[in-house]
C-alpha atoms as a PDB file:
ATOM      1  CA  MET A   1      32.446   4.357 -25.787  1.00  0.00           C
ATOM      2  CA  LYS A   2      29.942   2.980 -28.291  1.00  0.00           C
ATOM      3  CA  LYS A   3      28.499   0.599 -25.664  1.00  0.00           C
ATOM      4  CA  ILE A   4      28.027   3.423 -23.149  1.00  0.00           C
ATOM      5  CA  LYS A   5      26.251   5.537 -25.750  1.00  0.00           C
ATOM      6  CA  GLU A   6      23.953   2.602 -26.643  1.00  0.00           C
ATOM      7  CA  PHE A   7      23.197   2.015 -22.961  1.00  0.00           C
ATOM      8  CA  LEU A   8      22.265   5.655 -22.372  1.00  0.00           C
ATOM      9  CA  GLN A   9      19.995   5.679 -25.418  1.00  0.00           C
ATOM     10  CA  SER A  10      18.344   2.374 -24.496  1.00  0.00           C
ATOM     11  CA  GLU A  11      14.830   2.719 -23.068  1.00  0.00           C
ATOM     12  CA  GLU A  12      14.934  -0.604 -21.205  1.00  0.00           C
ATOM     13  CA  GLY A  13      16.944   0.904 -18.370  1.00  0.00           C
ATOM     14  CA  GLN A  14      14.536   3.804 -18.126  1.00  0.00           C
ATOM     15  CA  THR A  15      11.589   1.468 -17.679  1.00  0.00           C
ATOM     16  CA  SER A  16      13.156  -0.357 -14.741  1.00  0.00           C
ATOM     17  CA  THR A  17      14.186   2.958 -13.203  1.00  0.00           C
ATOM     18  CA  GLU A  18      10.632   4.223 -13.479  1.00  0.00           C
ATOM     19  CA  TYR A  19       9.327   1.106 -11.712  1.00  0.00           C
ATOM     20  CA  ILE A  20      11.873   1.533  -8.939  1.00  0.00           C
ATOM     21  CA  LEU A  21      10.840   5.167  -8.487  1.00  0.00           C
ATOM     22  CA  LEU A  22       7.154   4.202  -8.378  1.00  0.00           C
ATOM     23  CA  VAL A  23       7.850   1.575  -5.712  1.00  0.00           C
ATOM     24  CA  ALA A  24       9.797   4.137  -3.700  1.00  0.00           C
ATOM     25  CA  VAL A  25       6.935   6.653  -3.883  1.00  0.00           C
ATOM     26  CA  VAL A  26       4.386   4.027  -2.834  1.00  0.00           C
ATOM     27  CA  ALA A  27       6.627   2.969   0.061  1.00  0.00           C
ATOM     28  CA  LEU A  28       6.941   6.581   1.227  1.00  0.00           C
ATOM     29  CA  ILE A  29       3.147   7.020   1.100  1.00  0.00           C
ATOM     30  CA  VAL A  30       2.604   3.814   3.063  1.00  0.00           C
ATOM     31  CA  PHE A  31       5.109   4.819   5.752  1.00  0.00           C
ATOM     32  CA  LYS A  32       3.670   8.321   5.992  1.00  0.00           C
ATOM     33  CA  PHE A  33       0.050   7.239   6.410  1.00  0.00           C
ATOM     34  CA  LYS A  34       0.500   3.901   8.192  1.00  0.00           C
ATOM     35  CA  ASP A  35      -0.671   5.285  11.558  1.00  0.00           C
ATOM     36  CA  VAL A  36      -3.809   6.819  10.032  1.00  0.00           C
ATOM     37  CA  ALA A  37      -4.599   3.661   8.074  1.00  0.00           C
ATOM     38  CA  SER A  38      -4.001   1.490  11.141  1.00  0.00           C
ATOM     39  CA  ALA A  39      -6.371   3.600  13.249  1.00  0.00           C
ATOM     40  CA  LYS A  40      -9.086   3.503  10.563  1.00  0.00           C
ATOM     41  CA  LEU A  41      -8.712  -0.259  10.122  1.00  0.00           C
ATOM     42  CA  ASN A  42      -8.887  -0.745  13.879  1.00  0.00           C
ATOM     43  CA  ALA A  43     -12.089   1.339  14.104  1.00  0.00           C
ATOM     44  CA  ILE A  44     -13.686  -0.566  11.219  1.00  0.00           C
ATOM     45  CA  THR A  45     -12.732  -3.932  12.718  1.00  0.00           C
ATOM     46  CA  GLN A  46     -14.112  -2.994  16.138  1.00  0.00           C
ATOM     47  CA  GLY A  47     -17.336  -1.792  14.538  1.00  0.00           C
ATOM     48  CA  VAL A  48     -17.810  -4.987  12.537  1.00  0.00           C
ATOM     49  CA  PHE A  49     -17.095  -7.318  15.445  1.00  0.00           C
ATOM     50  CA  GLY A  50     -19.137  -5.170  17.825  1.00  0.00           C
ATOM     51  CA  ASN A  51     -22.144  -5.387  15.495  1.00  0.00           C
ATOM     52  CA  ALA A  52     -21.635  -9.132  15.039  1.00  0.00           C
ATOM     53  CA  GLU A  53     -21.495  -9.667  18.804  1.00  0.00           C
ATOM     54  CA  SER A  54     -24.696  -7.701  19.409  1.00  0.00           C
ATOM     55  CA  PHE A  55     -26.400  -9.619  16.584  1.00  0.00           C
ATOM     56  CA  VAL A  56     -25.388 -12.968  18.127  1.00  0.00           C
ATOM     57  CA  ASN A  57     -26.541 -11.799  21.566  1.00  0.00           C
ATOM     58  CA  GLU A  58     -29.949 -10.802  20.140  1.00  0.00           C
ATOM     59  CA  MET A  59     -30.301 -14.215  18.491  1.00  0.00           C
ATOM     60  CA  GLY A  60     -29.540 -15.947  21.811  1.00  0.00           C
ATOM     61  CA  ASN A  61     -32.312 -14.097  23.641  1.00  0.00           C
END
């Protein structure tokens, strides 16, 4: 019984639990907004490569 009481009063277990909860919250946020983030990243990538292609084409002329 003494060991159980010491375990419940220990703050080390609470710290690891807090980290696990933070990871779970971050994972939920990532899964919820992955489609939005993917679309934004795709638009940014297309814009960058589109600008680079037009720049290279202008240099070739």
